[in-house]
């Protein structure tokens, strides 16, 4: 698909059905492989969420859900509203329908705890959420709630003196503090998942294009689209107007994980540990990154950054330069993959 051949009609057709991010088969390489089918679940990301007896907010209300409740997702369906930027709804076990933008798709995948080497390891939360605690004790004070597909630095393993359970010792990359979380709730990310994608394509022949009006990201190799996904860029919010800058940039600063809080432009008053696959394009903190606090792509709603699904952000992280070697917290320099952001 040539650059000039990806039209607004193509975009509307794919994004309306929630199919953006489908172009690249290599995206599957970033996913853990399971021998058996794992039922899909959904975590409510809004404060409250209603289900309806049809996939529309104009239908009859069925049940009220609240933040962090986990719902079995039985099916997906498309609403009849052709003007909606996202027409995807999830059918719940109770038979109602919930809007997909307010539900994070999650799994519950438990892992065999591993010994951690001296260099540490990156770990990805593989359950809907887990609570990080002050000590390796299920009754100790909760420091943070860590969510599905967030990424964290694991520095050591430990056995609880209370009940013999196994825990990982996590490093907070921003505040340089430590806390514990249940080891079985983390999938260790192998080095093979951090290797660059399309390393044979020179950096000058790669390009990321962001179309703000379409809320669309396109990745090109030698002028051909190799990946496309919907985004959520800076928007007009109750707390103020946050715009994503336009112009030419490079992905000069990359981190596999970042605790965004206390001054980070993305946090904007929130406290967000484990934000995955971060690619900074400005010194002021504008970045591409995975997002776990919403699933609402296709409209502006961020505080200036470019929100992506964690899987899309991981693909972009591996495809761009500079490369972050395994075991390293970041790569930084005034080189990187070209980015063009247009209205």
C-alpha atoms as a PDB file:
ATOM      1  CA  UNK A   1       0.000   0.000   0.000  1.00  0.00           C
ATOM      2  CA  UNK A   2       1.694   3.209  -1.142  1.00  0.00           C
ATOM      3  CA  UNK A   3       1.748   6.354   0.920  1.00  0.00           C
ATOM      4  CA  UNK A   4      -0.515   8.212  -1.485  1.00  0.00           C
ATOM      5  CA  UNK A   5      -2.844   5.220  -1.667  1.00  0.00           C
ATOM      6  CA  UNK A   6      -4.024   5.320   1.958  1.00  0.00           C
ATOM      7  CA  UNK A   7      -7.052   7.566   1.691  1.00  0.00           C
ATOM      8  CA  UNK A   8      -9.386   9.053   4.262  1.00  0.00           C
ATOM      9  CA  UNK A   9     -12.020   6.589   3.027  1.00  0.00           C
ATOM     10  CA  UNK A  10      -9.665   3.699   3.852  1.00  0.00           C
ATOM     11  CA  UNK A  11      -9.130   5.178   7.299  1.00  0.00           C
ATOM     12  CA  UNK A  12     -12.819   5.670   8.044  1.00  0.00           C
ATOM     13  CA  UNK A  13     -13.678   2.168   6.880  1.00  0.00           C
ATOM     14  CA  UNK A  14     -11.087   0.534   9.128  1.00  0.00           C
ATOM     15  CA  UNK A  15     -11.319   2.789  12.163  1.00  0.00           C
ATOM     16  CA  UNK A  16     -15.107   2.707  12.271  1.00  0.00           C
ATOM     17  CA  UNK A  17     -14.940  -1.040  12.740  1.00  0.00           C
ATOM     18  CA  UNK A  18     -12.061  -0.866  15.230  1.00  0.00           C
ATOM     19  CA  UNK A  19      -9.681  -2.662  12.870  1.00  0.00           C
ATOM     20  CA  UNK A  20      -6.702  -0.278  12.872  1.00  0.00           C
ATOM     21  CA  UNK A  21      -3.441  -1.994  13.753  1.00  0.00           C
ATOM     22  CA  UNK A  22      -4.149  -4.938  11.474  1.00  0.00           C
ATOM     23  CA  UNK A  23      -1.595  -4.438   8.736  1.00  0.00           C
ATOM     24  CA  UNK A  24       1.537  -5.947  10.194  1.00  0.00           C
ATOM     25  CA  UNK A  25       1.810  -9.715  10.809  1.00  0.00           C
ATOM     26  CA  UNK A  26       5.006  -9.157  12.847  1.00  0.00           C
ATOM     27  CA  UNK A  27       2.909  -7.599  15.600  1.00  0.00           C
ATOM     28  CA  UNK A  28       2.055 -11.127  16.691  1.00  0.00           C
ATOM     29  CA  UNK A  29       5.701 -11.694  17.583  1.00  0.00           C
ATOM     30  CA  UNK A  30       5.266  -9.371  20.565  1.00  0.00           C
ATOM     31  CA  UNK A  31       2.540 -11.507  22.119  1.00  0.00           C
ATOM     32  CA  UNK A  32       3.016 -14.395  24.551  1.00  0.00           C
ATOM     33  CA  UNK A  33       2.040 -17.649  22.931  1.00  0.00           C
ATOM     34  CA  UNK A  34      -0.563 -19.792  24.664  1.00  0.00           C
ATOM     35  CA  UNK A  35      -1.304 -23.412  23.827  1.00  0.00           C
ATOM     36  CA  UNK A  36      -4.902 -23.192  25.007  1.00  0.00           C
ATOM     37  CA  UNK A  37      -7.585 -20.600  24.466  1.00  0.00           C
ATOM     38  CA  UNK A  38      -7.553 -17.960  27.184  1.00  0.00           C
ATOM     39  CA  UNK A  39     -10.940 -16.316  27.753  1.00  0.00           C
ATOM     40  CA  UNK A  40     -10.905 -12.576  27.166  1.00  0.00           C
ATOM     41  CA  UNK A  41     -11.850 -10.319  30.037  1.00  0.00           C
ATOM     42  CA  UNK A  42     -12.432  -6.601  30.300  1.00  0.00           C
ATOM     43  CA  UNK A  43     -11.432  -4.191  33.063  1.00  0.00           C
ATOM     44  CA  UNK A  44     -13.658  -1.147  33.544  1.00  0.00           C
ATOM     45  CA  UNK A  45     -11.452   1.949  33.179  1.00  0.00           C
ATOM     46  CA  UNK A  46     -14.103   4.616  33.875  1.00  0.00           C
ATOM     47  CA  UNK A  47     -15.420   5.536  37.318  1.00  0.00           C
ATOM     48  CA  UNK A  48     -18.771   3.961  36.404  1.00  0.00           C
ATOM     49  CA  UNK A  49     -20.005   2.183  33.289  1.00  0.00           C
ATOM     50  CA  UNK A  50     -23.485   1.090  32.220  1.00  0.00           C
ATOM     51  CA  UNK A  51     -24.278  -1.915  30.075  1.00  0.00           C
ATOM     52  CA  UNK A  52     -27.184  -1.709  27.638  1.00  0.00           C
ATOM     53  CA  UNK A  53     -29.560  -4.181  26.051  1.00  0.00           C
ATOM     54  CA  UNK A  54     -28.222  -3.180  22.611  1.00  0.00           C
ATOM     55  CA  UNK A  55     -24.888  -1.693  21.473  1.00  0.00           C
ATOM     56  CA  UNK A  56     -25.971   1.931  21.878  1.00  0.00           C
ATOM     57  CA  UNK A  57     -26.134   4.478  24.688  1.00  0.00           C
ATOM     58  CA  UNK A  58     -29.710   5.152  23.542  1.00  0.00           C
ATOM     59  CA  UNK A  59     -30.749   1.582  24.371  1.00  0.00           C
ATOM     60  CA  UNK A  60     -32.102   0.425  27.710  1.00  0.00           C
ATOM     61  CA  UNK A  61     -29.733   0.269  30.662  1.00  0.00           C
ATOM     62  CA  UNK A  62     -29.076  -3.201  32.042  1.00  0.00           C
ATOM     63  CA  UNK A  63     -26.444  -3.039  34.775  1.00  0.00           C
ATOM     64  CA  UNK A  64     -24.065  -0.568  36.412  1.00  0.00           C
ATOM     65  CA  UNK A  65     -20.374  -1.441  36.725  1.00  0.00           C
ATOM     66  CA  UNK A  66     -17.581   0.440  38.455  1.00  0.00           C
ATOM     67  CA  UNK A  67     -13.874   1.111  38.111  1.00  0.00           C
ATOM     68  CA  UNK A  68     -11.568  -1.952  38.012  1.00  0.00           C
ATOM     69  CA  UNK A  69     -14.430  -4.460  37.903  1.00  0.00           C
ATOM     70  CA  UNK A  70     -13.484  -7.417  35.680  1.00  0.00           C
ATOM     71  CA  UNK A  71     -16.080  -8.547  33.123  1.00  0.00           C
ATOM     72  CA  UNK A  72     -16.036 -11.741  31.043  1.00  0.00           C
ATOM     73  CA  UNK A  73     -16.239 -10.667  27.384  1.00  0.00           C
ATOM     74  CA  UNK A  74     -18.305 -13.145  25.396  1.00  0.00           C
ATOM     75  CA  UNK A  75     -18.314 -11.435  21.998  1.00  0.00           C
ATOM     76  CA  UNK A  76     -17.810  -8.175  20.127  1.00  0.00           C
ATOM     77  CA  UNK A  77     -20.298  -6.385  17.938  1.00  0.00           C
ATOM     78  CA  UNK A  78     -20.543  -3.254  15.798  1.00  0.00           C
ATOM     79  CA  UNK A  79     -23.002  -0.483  16.585  1.00  0.00           C
ATOM     80  CA  UNK A  80     -25.324   0.838  13.883  1.00  0.00           C
ATOM     81  CA  UNK A  81     -24.085   4.403  14.358  1.00  0.00           C
ATOM     82  CA  UNK A  82     -21.967   4.897  11.236  1.00  0.00           C
ATOM     83  CA  UNK A  83     -20.900   8.368  12.390  1.00  0.00           C
ATOM     84  CA  UNK A  84     -19.142   7.027  15.510  1.00  0.00           C
ATOM     85  CA  UNK A  85     -15.336   7.067  15.505  1.00  0.00           C
ATOM     86  CA  UNK A  86     -15.410   3.723  17.336  1.00  0.00           C
ATOM     87  CA  UNK A  87     -18.344   1.390  16.755  1.00  0.00           C
ATOM     88  CA  UNK A  88     -16.984  -1.583  18.712  1.00  0.00           C
ATOM     89  CA  UNK A  89     -18.969  -2.839  21.722  1.00  0.00           C
ATOM     90  CA  UNK A  90     -18.357  -5.837  23.964  1.00  0.00           C
ATOM     91  CA  UNK A  91     -21.056  -8.321  24.910  1.00  0.00           C
ATOM     92  CA  UNK A  92     -20.870  -9.303  28.569  1.00  0.00           C
ATOM     93  CA  UNK A  93     -21.623 -12.601  30.253  1.00  0.00           C
ATOM     94  CA  UNK A  94     -24.877 -11.135  31.593  1.00  0.00           C
ATOM     95  CA  UNK A  95     -25.999 -10.469  28.024  1.00  0.00           C
ATOM     96  CA  UNK A  96     -25.631  -6.681  28.020  1.00  0.00           C
ATOM     97  CA  UNK A  97     -23.325  -4.555  25.876  1.00  0.00           C
ATOM     98  CA  UNK A  98     -20.620  -2.147  27.074  1.00  0.00           C
ATOM     99  CA  UNK A  99     -18.752   0.461  25.050  1.00  0.00           C
ATOM    100  CA  UNK A 100     -15.249  -0.803  24.251  1.00  0.00           C
ATOM    101  CA  UNK A 101     -13.569   2.568  24.799  1.00  0.00           C
ATOM    102  CA  UNK A 102     -14.269   2.283  28.536  1.00  0.00           C
ATOM    103  CA  UNK A 103     -13.031  -1.298  28.891  1.00  0.00           C
ATOM    104  CA  UNK A 104      -9.407  -2.477  28.795  1.00  0.00           C
ATOM    105  CA  UNK A 105      -9.148  -5.952  27.210  1.00  0.00           C
ATOM    106  CA  UNK A 106      -7.237  -8.150  29.664  1.00  0.00           C
ATOM    107  CA  UNK A 107      -6.365 -11.759  30.424  1.00  0.00           C
ATOM    108  CA  UNK A 108      -5.537 -13.626  33.599  1.00  0.00           C
ATOM    109  CA  UNK A 109      -2.293 -15.463  32.868  1.00  0.00           C
ATOM    110  CA  UNK A 110      -0.382 -16.824  35.857  1.00  0.00           C
ATOM    111  CA  UNK A 111       3.353 -17.492  35.525  1.00  0.00           C
ATOM    112  CA  UNK A 112       5.892 -19.733  37.199  1.00  0.00           C
ATOM    113  CA  UNK A 113       8.104 -17.463  39.355  1.00  0.00           C
ATOM    114  CA  UNK A 114      11.720 -17.251  38.196  1.00  0.00           C
ATOM    115  CA  UNK A 115      15.035 -16.413  39.810  1.00  0.00           C
ATOM    116  CA  UNK A 116      16.174 -12.946  38.739  1.00  0.00           C
ATOM    117  CA  UNK A 117      19.744 -12.420  37.565  1.00  0.00           C
ATOM    118  CA  UNK A 118      21.943  -9.611  38.839  1.00  0.00           C
ATOM    119  CA  UNK A 119      21.218  -7.525  35.731  1.00  0.00           C
ATOM    120  CA  UNK A 120      17.481  -7.624  36.501  1.00  0.00           C
ATOM    121  CA  UNK A 121      14.622  -8.168  34.087  1.00  0.00           C
ATOM    122  CA  UNK A 122      11.681  -6.436  32.498  1.00  0.00           C
ATOM    123  CA  UNK A 123       8.343  -7.834  33.609  1.00  0.00           C
ATOM    124  CA  UNK A 124       4.885  -7.299  32.142  1.00  0.00           C
ATOM    125  CA  UNK A 125       1.789  -7.573  34.320  1.00  0.00           C
ATOM    126  CA  UNK A 126      -0.208 -10.520  32.951  1.00  0.00           C
ATOM    127  CA  UNK A 127      -3.341 -10.263  35.110  1.00  0.00           C
ATOM    128  CA  UNK A 128      -6.005  -7.523  35.076  1.00  0.00           C
ATOM    129  CA  UNK A 129      -4.254  -5.827  37.971  1.00  0.00           C
ATOM    130  CA  UNK A 130      -2.041  -6.593  40.937  1.00  0.00           C
ATOM    131  CA  UNK A 131      -1.203  -4.603  44.056  1.00  0.00           C
ATOM    132  CA  UNK A 132       2.409  -3.656  44.754  1.00  0.00           C
ATOM    133  CA  UNK A 133       3.109  -3.635  48.481  1.00  0.00           C
ATOM    134  CA  UNK A 134       5.631  -2.227  50.889  1.00  0.00           C
ATOM    135  CA  UNK A 135       6.950  -5.658  51.875  1.00  0.00           C
ATOM    136  CA  UNK A 136       6.645  -9.234  50.619  1.00  0.00           C
ATOM    137  CA  UNK A 137       3.543  -9.706  52.711  1.00  0.00           C
ATOM    138  CA  UNK A 138      -0.014  -9.894  51.302  1.00  0.00           C
ATOM    139  CA  UNK A 139      -1.197  -7.875  54.300  1.00  0.00           C
ATOM    140  CA  UNK A 140       1.314  -5.029  54.037  1.00  0.00           C
ATOM    141  CA  UNK A 141       0.521  -1.518  52.834  1.00  0.00           C
ATOM    142  CA  UNK A 142      -0.386  -1.113  49.148  1.00  0.00           C
ATOM    143  CA  UNK A 143       1.939   1.322  47.362  1.00  0.00           C
ATOM    144  CA  UNK A 144       0.494   1.139  43.828  1.00  0.00           C
ATOM    145  CA  UNK A 145      -2.026  -0.815  41.816  1.00  0.00           C
ATOM    146  CA  UNK A 146      -0.288  -2.130  38.684  1.00  0.00           C
ATOM    147  CA  UNK A 147      -2.349  -2.870  35.588  1.00  0.00           C
ATOM    148  CA  UNK A 148      -2.350  -5.376  32.729  1.00  0.00           C
ATOM    149  CA  UNK A 149       0.428  -4.871  30.140  1.00  0.00           C
ATOM    150  CA  UNK A 150       2.241  -2.303  32.242  1.00  0.00           C
ATOM    151  CA  UNK A 151       5.996  -2.916  32.267  1.00  0.00           C
ATOM    152  CA  UNK A 152       8.283  -2.794  35.315  1.00  0.00           C
ATOM    153  CA  UNK A 153      11.907  -3.314  36.299  1.00  0.00           C
ATOM    154  CA  UNK A 154      12.348  -6.452  38.403  1.00  0.00           C
ATOM    155  CA  UNK A 155      15.585  -6.498  40.388  1.00  0.00           C
ATOM    156  CA  UNK A 156      15.232  -9.571  42.598  1.00  0.00           C
ATOM    157  CA  UNK A 157      12.914 -12.315  43.798  1.00  0.00           C
ATOM    158  CA  UNK A 158      11.859 -12.968  47.366  1.00  0.00           C
ATOM    159  CA  UNK A 159       9.904 -15.469  49.447  1.00  0.00           C
ATOM    160  CA  UNK A 160       7.391 -14.172  51.945  1.00  0.00           C
ATOM    161  CA  UNK A 161       8.209 -14.993  55.536  1.00  0.00           C
ATOM    162  CA  UNK A 162       4.484 -14.858  56.261  1.00  0.00           C
ATOM    163  CA  UNK A 163       3.039 -17.502  53.947  1.00  0.00           C
ATOM    164  CA  UNK A 164       5.890 -18.686  51.700  1.00  0.00           C
ATOM    165  CA  UNK A 165       4.500 -16.979  48.587  1.00  0.00           C
ATOM    166  CA  UNK A 166       6.927 -15.759  45.919  1.00  0.00           C
ATOM    167  CA  UNK A 167       7.351 -12.060  45.130  1.00  0.00           C
ATOM    168  CA  UNK A 168       9.335  -9.822  42.822  1.00  0.00           C
ATOM    169  CA  UNK A 169      11.218  -6.764  44.018  1.00  0.00           C
ATOM    170  CA  UNK A 170      10.377  -3.863  41.689  1.00  0.00           C
ATOM    171  CA  UNK A 171      12.371  -0.696  41.041  1.00  0.00           C
ATOM    172  CA  UNK A 172      10.417   2.506  40.544  1.00  0.00           C
ATOM    173  CA  UNK A 173      12.331   4.118  37.667  1.00  0.00           C
ATOM    174  CA  UNK A 174      11.251   7.666  38.562  1.00  0.00           C
ATOM    175  CA  UNK A 175      11.432   7.891  42.344  1.00  0.00           C
ATOM    176  CA  UNK A 176      14.110   5.191  42.781  1.00  0.00           C
ATOM    177  CA  UNK A 177      12.085   3.446  45.458  1.00  0.00           C
ATOM    178  CA  UNK A 178      11.283  -0.257  45.694  1.00  0.00           C
ATOM    179  CA  UNK A 179       8.172  -2.295  46.333  1.00  0.00           C
ATOM    180  CA  UNK A 180       7.027  -5.903  46.073  1.00  0.00           C
ATOM    181  CA  UNK A 181       4.414  -7.621  43.896  1.00  0.00           C
ATOM    182  CA  UNK A 182       3.319 -11.277  43.503  1.00  0.00           C
ATOM    183  CA  UNK A 183       5.719 -13.007  41.115  1.00  0.00           C
ATOM    184  CA  UNK A 184       3.067 -15.128  39.400  1.00  0.00           C
ATOM    185  CA  UNK A 185       1.397 -11.950  38.144  1.00  0.00           C
ATOM    186  CA  UNK A 186       4.365 -11.001  35.932  1.00  0.00           C
ATOM    187  CA  UNK A 187       5.543 -12.375  32.610  1.00  0.00           C
ATOM    188  CA  UNK A 188       9.274 -11.890  32.198  1.00  0.00           C
ATOM    189  CA  UNK A 189       9.960 -10.278  28.819  1.00  0.00           C
ATOM    190  CA  UNK A 190      12.644 -12.247  26.946  1.00  0.00           C
ATOM    191  CA  UNK A 191      15.429 -10.436  25.103  1.00  0.00           C
ATOM    192  CA  UNK A 192      14.009 -11.766  21.819  1.00  0.00           C
ATOM    193  CA  UNK A 193      10.999  -9.470  22.234  1.00  0.00           C
ATOM    194  CA  UNK A 194      13.271  -6.431  22.353  1.00  0.00           C
ATOM    195  CA  UNK A 195      15.136  -7.050  19.112  1.00  0.00           C
ATOM    196  CA  UNK A 196      14.668  -4.386  16.402  1.00  0.00           C
ATOM    197  CA  UNK A 197      12.054  -4.867  13.688  1.00  0.00           C
ATOM    198  CA  UNK A 198      13.100  -4.315  10.047  1.00  0.00           C
ATOM    199  CA  UNK A 199      16.766  -3.767  10.974  1.00  0.00           C
ATOM    200  CA  UNK A 200      17.697  -4.123   7.301  1.00  0.00           C
ATOM    201  CA  UNK A 201      15.799  -0.931   6.424  1.00  0.00           C
ATOM    202  CA  UNK A 202      17.996   2.166   6.921  1.00  0.00           C
ATOM    203  CA  UNK A 203      16.653   4.684   9.387  1.00  0.00           C
ATOM    204  CA  UNK A 204      16.442   7.366   6.711  1.00  0.00           C
ATOM    205  CA  UNK A 205      13.973   5.141   4.838  1.00  0.00           C
ATOM    206  CA  UNK A 206      11.598   4.838   7.789  1.00  0.00           C
ATOM    207  CA  UNK A 207       8.992   7.444   8.646  1.00  0.00           C
ATOM    208  CA  UNK A 208       6.171   7.829  11.175  1.00  0.00           C
ATOM    209  CA  UNK A 209       3.281  10.005  10.029  1.00  0.00           C
ATOM    210  CA  UNK A 210       0.637  11.196  12.496  1.00  0.00           C
ATOM    211  CA  UNK A 211      -2.610  12.641  11.129  1.00  0.00           C
ATOM    212  CA  UNK A 212      -4.277  14.516  13.961  1.00  0.00           C
ATOM    213  CA  UNK A 213      -7.547  15.187  12.151  1.00  0.00           C
ATOM    214  CA  UNK A 214      -7.901  11.466  11.441  1.00  0.00           C
ATOM    215  CA  UNK A 215      -6.368  10.351  14.769  1.00  0.00           C
ATOM    216  CA  UNK A 216      -4.219   7.997  12.754  1.00  0.00           C
ATOM    217  CA  UNK A 217      -0.601   6.852  12.851  1.00  0.00           C
ATOM    218  CA  UNK A 218       1.075   5.379   9.785  1.00  0.00           C
ATOM    219  CA  UNK A 219       4.547   3.816   9.634  1.00  0.00           C
ATOM    220  CA  UNK A 220       6.360   3.743   6.277  1.00  0.00           C
ATOM    221  CA  UNK A 221       9.277   1.817   4.910  1.00  0.00           C
ATOM    222  CA  UNK A 222      10.622   3.173   1.639  1.00  0.00           C
ATOM    223  CA  UNK A 223       7.356   5.053   1.098  1.00  0.00           C
ATOM    224  CA  UNK A 224       5.096   2.052   1.719  1.00  0.00           C
ATOM    225  CA  UNK A 225       2.744   1.683   4.690  1.00  0.00           C
ATOM    226  CA  UNK A 226       3.786  -1.245   6.892  1.00  0.00           C
ATOM    227  CA  UNK A 227       1.723  -0.459   9.981  1.00  0.00           C
ATOM    228  CA  UNK A 228      -1.292   1.676  10.889  1.00  0.00           C
ATOM    229  CA  UNK A 229      -3.124   2.240  14.122  1.00  0.00           C
ATOM    230  CA  UNK A 230      -5.562   4.646  15.716  1.00  0.00           C
ATOM    231  CA  UNK A 231      -4.339   7.078  18.351  1.00  0.00           C
ATOM    232  CA  UNK A 232      -5.619   9.441  21.013  1.00  0.00           C
ATOM    233  CA  UNK A 233      -3.744  12.745  20.840  1.00  0.00           C
ATOM    234  CA  UNK A 234      -3.924  15.941  22.885  1.00  0.00           C
ATOM    235  CA  UNK A 235      -7.445  17.260  23.390  1.00  0.00           C
ATOM    236  CA  UNK A 236      -9.604  19.927  24.961  1.00  0.00           C
ATOM    237  CA  UNK A 237     -10.326  18.660  28.464  1.00  0.00           C
ATOM    238  CA  UNK A 238     -12.089  20.004  31.523  1.00  0.00           C
ATOM    239  CA  UNK A 239      -8.733  20.827  33.061  1.00  0.00           C
ATOM    240  CA  UNK A 240      -7.542  22.804  30.026  1.00  0.00           C
ATOM    241  CA  UNK A 241      -6.490  22.650  26.396  1.00  0.00           C
ATOM    242  CA  UNK A 242      -3.658  20.237  25.618  1.00  0.00           C
ATOM    243  CA  UNK A 243      -2.453  20.137  22.048  1.00  0.00           C
ATOM    244  CA  UNK A 244      -0.095  17.719  20.363  1.00  0.00           C
ATOM    245  CA  UNK A 245       2.512  19.793  18.514  1.00  0.00           C
ATOM    246  CA  UNK A 246       2.752  19.606  14.735  1.00  0.00           C
ATOM    247  CA  UNK A 247       5.972  19.563  12.744  1.00  0.00           C
ATOM    248  CA  UNK A 248       9.027  17.364  12.282  1.00  0.00           C
ATOM    249  CA  UNK A 249      10.546  15.347  15.128  1.00  0.00           C
ATOM    250  CA  UNK A 250      12.708  12.288  15.858  1.00  0.00           C
ATOM    251  CA  UNK A 251      12.344   9.507  18.438  1.00  0.00           C
ATOM    252  CA  UNK A 252      15.513  10.569  20.255  1.00  0.00           C
ATOM    253  CA  UNK A 253      14.701   9.241  23.760  1.00  0.00           C
ATOM    254  CA  UNK A 254      13.181   5.823  24.401  1.00  0.00           C
ATOM    255  CA  UNK A 255      12.295   3.865  27.543  1.00  0.00           C
ATOM    256  CA  UNK A 256      10.656   0.420  27.823  1.00  0.00           C
ATOM    257  CA  UNK A 257       8.860   1.672  30.935  1.00  0.00           C
ATOM    258  CA  UNK A 258       8.330   4.976  32.673  1.00  0.00           C
ATOM    259  CA  UNK A 259       6.600   5.999  35.866  1.00  0.00           C
ATOM    260  CA  UNK A 260       4.864   9.190  34.749  1.00  0.00           C
ATOM    261  CA  UNK A 261       4.061  11.478  37.649  1.00  0.00           C
ATOM    262  CA  UNK A 262       5.078  14.667  39.450  1.00  0.00           C
ATOM    263  CA  UNK A 263       5.857  16.951  36.545  1.00  0.00           C
ATOM    264  CA  UNK A 264       5.594  14.632  33.547  1.00  0.00           C
ATOM    265  CA  UNK A 265       3.381  16.210  30.886  1.00  0.00           C
ATOM    266  CA  UNK A 266       1.590  12.917  30.318  1.00  0.00           C
ATOM    267  CA  UNK A 267       0.704  12.480  33.978  1.00  0.00           C
ATOM    268  CA  UNK A 268      -0.903  15.923  34.396  1.00  0.00           C
ATOM    269  CA  UNK A 269      -1.796  15.356  38.025  1.00  0.00           C
ATOM    270  CA  UNK A 270      -2.144  11.583  37.801  1.00  0.00           C
ATOM    271  CA  UNK A 271       0.277   8.961  39.079  1.00  0.00           C
ATOM    272  CA  UNK A 272       0.931   6.362  36.378  1.00  0.00           C
ATOM    273  CA  UNK A 273       3.525   3.665  37.164  1.00  0.00           C
ATOM    274  CA  UNK A 274       4.717   1.303  34.460  1.00  0.00           C
ATOM    275  CA  UNK A 275       3.663   3.252  31.351  1.00  0.00           C
ATOM    276  CA  UNK A 276       4.957   0.907  28.637  1.00  0.00           C
ATOM    277  CA  UNK A 277       7.061   1.480  25.516  1.00  0.00           C
ATOM    278  CA  UNK A 278       7.730   5.221  25.641  1.00  0.00           C
ATOM    279  CA  UNK A 279       9.205   7.141  22.685  1.00  0.00           C
ATOM    280  CA  UNK A 280       9.882  10.814  23.487  1.00  0.00           C
ATOM    281  CA  UNK A 281       9.945  13.278  20.601  1.00  0.00           C
ATOM    282  CA  UNK A 282      10.346  16.571  22.530  1.00  0.00           C
ATOM    283  CA  UNK A 283      12.442  17.638  25.496  1.00  0.00           C
ATOM    284  CA  UNK A 284       9.215  18.854  27.093  1.00  0.00           C
ATOM    285  CA  UNK A 285       7.953  15.285  27.417  1.00  0.00           C
ATOM    286  CA  UNK A 286       5.678  14.713  24.395  1.00  0.00           C
ATOM    287  CA  UNK A 287       5.870  11.031  23.521  1.00  0.00           C
ATOM    288  CA  UNK A 288       4.276   8.006  21.951  1.00  0.00           C
ATOM    289  CA  UNK A 289       3.434   5.438  24.626  1.00  0.00           C
ATOM    290  CA  UNK A 290       1.197   2.548  25.536  1.00  0.00           C
ATOM    291  CA  UNK A 291      -1.921   3.415  27.520  1.00  0.00           C
ATOM    292  CA  UNK A 292      -3.791   1.333  30.091  1.00  0.00           C
ATOM    293  CA  UNK A 293      -6.128   3.920  31.661  1.00  0.00           C
ATOM    294  CA  UNK A 294      -8.466   3.929  28.662  1.00  0.00           C
ATOM    295  CA  UNK A 295      -9.201   1.983  25.464  1.00  0.00           C
ATOM    296  CA  UNK A 296     -10.709   4.962  23.641  1.00  0.00           C
ATOM    297  CA  UNK A 297      -8.706   5.558  20.461  1.00  0.00           C
ATOM    298  CA  UNK A 298      -9.844   7.607  17.505  1.00  0.00           C
ATOM    299  CA  UNK A 299     -10.490  10.919  19.280  1.00  0.00           C
ATOM    300  CA  UNK A 300      -8.279  13.517  21.030  1.00  0.00           C
ATOM    301  CA  UNK A 301      -8.273  12.932  24.777  1.00  0.00           C
ATOM    302  CA  UNK A 302      -4.665  12.983  26.052  1.00  0.00           C
ATOM    303  CA  UNK A 303      -2.651  15.727  27.735  1.00  0.00           C
ATOM    304  CA  UNK A 304      -0.539  16.222  24.612  1.00  0.00           C
ATOM    305  CA  UNK A 305       1.118  12.854  24.129  1.00  0.00           C
ATOM    306  CA  UNK A 306       0.108  10.286  21.532  1.00  0.00           C
ATOM    307  CA  UNK A 307      -1.701   7.423  23.256  1.00  0.00           C
ATOM    308  CA  UNK A 308      -1.463   3.972  21.692  1.00  0.00           C
ATOM    309  CA  UNK A 309      -2.523   0.496  22.717  1.00  0.00           C
ATOM    310  CA  UNK A 310       0.363  -1.241  24.532  1.00  0.00           C
ATOM    311  CA  UNK A 311       0.820  -3.694  21.660  1.00  0.00           C
ATOM    312  CA  UNK A 312       0.966  -0.928  19.052  1.00  0.00           C
ATOM    313  CA  UNK A 313       3.409   1.056  21.201  1.00  0.00           C
ATOM    314  CA  UNK A 314       5.611  -2.013  21.606  1.00  0.00           C
ATOM    315  CA  UNK A 315       5.748  -2.540  17.858  1.00  0.00           C
ATOM    316  CA  UNK A 316       6.705   1.097  17.338  1.00  0.00           C
ATOM    317  CA  UNK A 317       9.307   0.850  20.119  1.00  0.00           C
ATOM    318  CA  UNK A 318      11.009  -2.073  18.383  1.00  0.00           C
ATOM    319  CA  UNK A 319      10.741  -0.599  14.885  1.00  0.00           C
ATOM    320  CA  UNK A 320      12.294   2.795  15.652  1.00  0.00           C
ATOM    321  CA  UNK A 321      15.751   3.936  16.658  1.00  0.00           C
ATOM    322  CA  UNK A 322      17.680   4.304  18.858  1.00  0.00           C
ATOM    323  CA  UNK A 323      17.631   0.722  20.091  1.00  0.00           C
ATOM    324  CA  UNK A 324      17.364   0.192  23.851  1.00  0.00           C
ATOM    325  CA  UNK A 325      19.545  -2.854  24.659  1.00  0.00           C
ATOM    326  CA  UNK A 326      18.147  -5.480  27.054  1.00  0.00           C
ATOM    327  CA  UNK A 327      18.839  -4.520  30.666  1.00  0.00           C
ATOM    328  CA  UNK A 328      19.111  -0.803  29.903  1.00  0.00           C
ATOM    329  CA  UNK A 329      16.624   1.729  31.255  1.00  0.00           C
ATOM    330  CA  UNK A 330      16.751   4.046  28.251  1.00  0.00           C
ATOM    331  CA  UNK A 331      18.495   5.215  25.083  1.00  0.00           C
ATOM    332  CA  UNK A 332      19.021   8.927  24.573  1.00  0.00           C
ATOM    333  CA  UNK A 333      20.584  11.000  21.806  1.00  0.00           C
ATOM    334  CA  UNK A 334      19.745  13.414  19.056  1.00  0.00           C
ATOM    335  CA  UNK A 335      19.253  10.672  16.500  1.00  0.00           C
ATOM    336  CA  UNK A 336      16.158   8.612  15.866  1.00  0.00           C
ATOM    337  CA  UNK A 337      13.401   7.709  13.442  1.00  0.00           C
ATOM    338  CA  UNK A 338      11.740  10.602  11.659  1.00  0.00           C
ATOM    339  CA  UNK A 339       8.265  11.695  12.765  1.00  0.00           C
ATOM    340  CA  UNK A 340       5.944  14.050  10.919  1.00  0.00           C
ATOM    341  CA  UNK A 341       2.817  15.293  12.736  1.00  0.00           C
ATOM    342  CA  UNK A 342       0.178  17.004  10.592  1.00  0.00           C
ATOM    343  CA  UNK A 343      -3.252  18.370  11.358  1.00  0.00           C
END
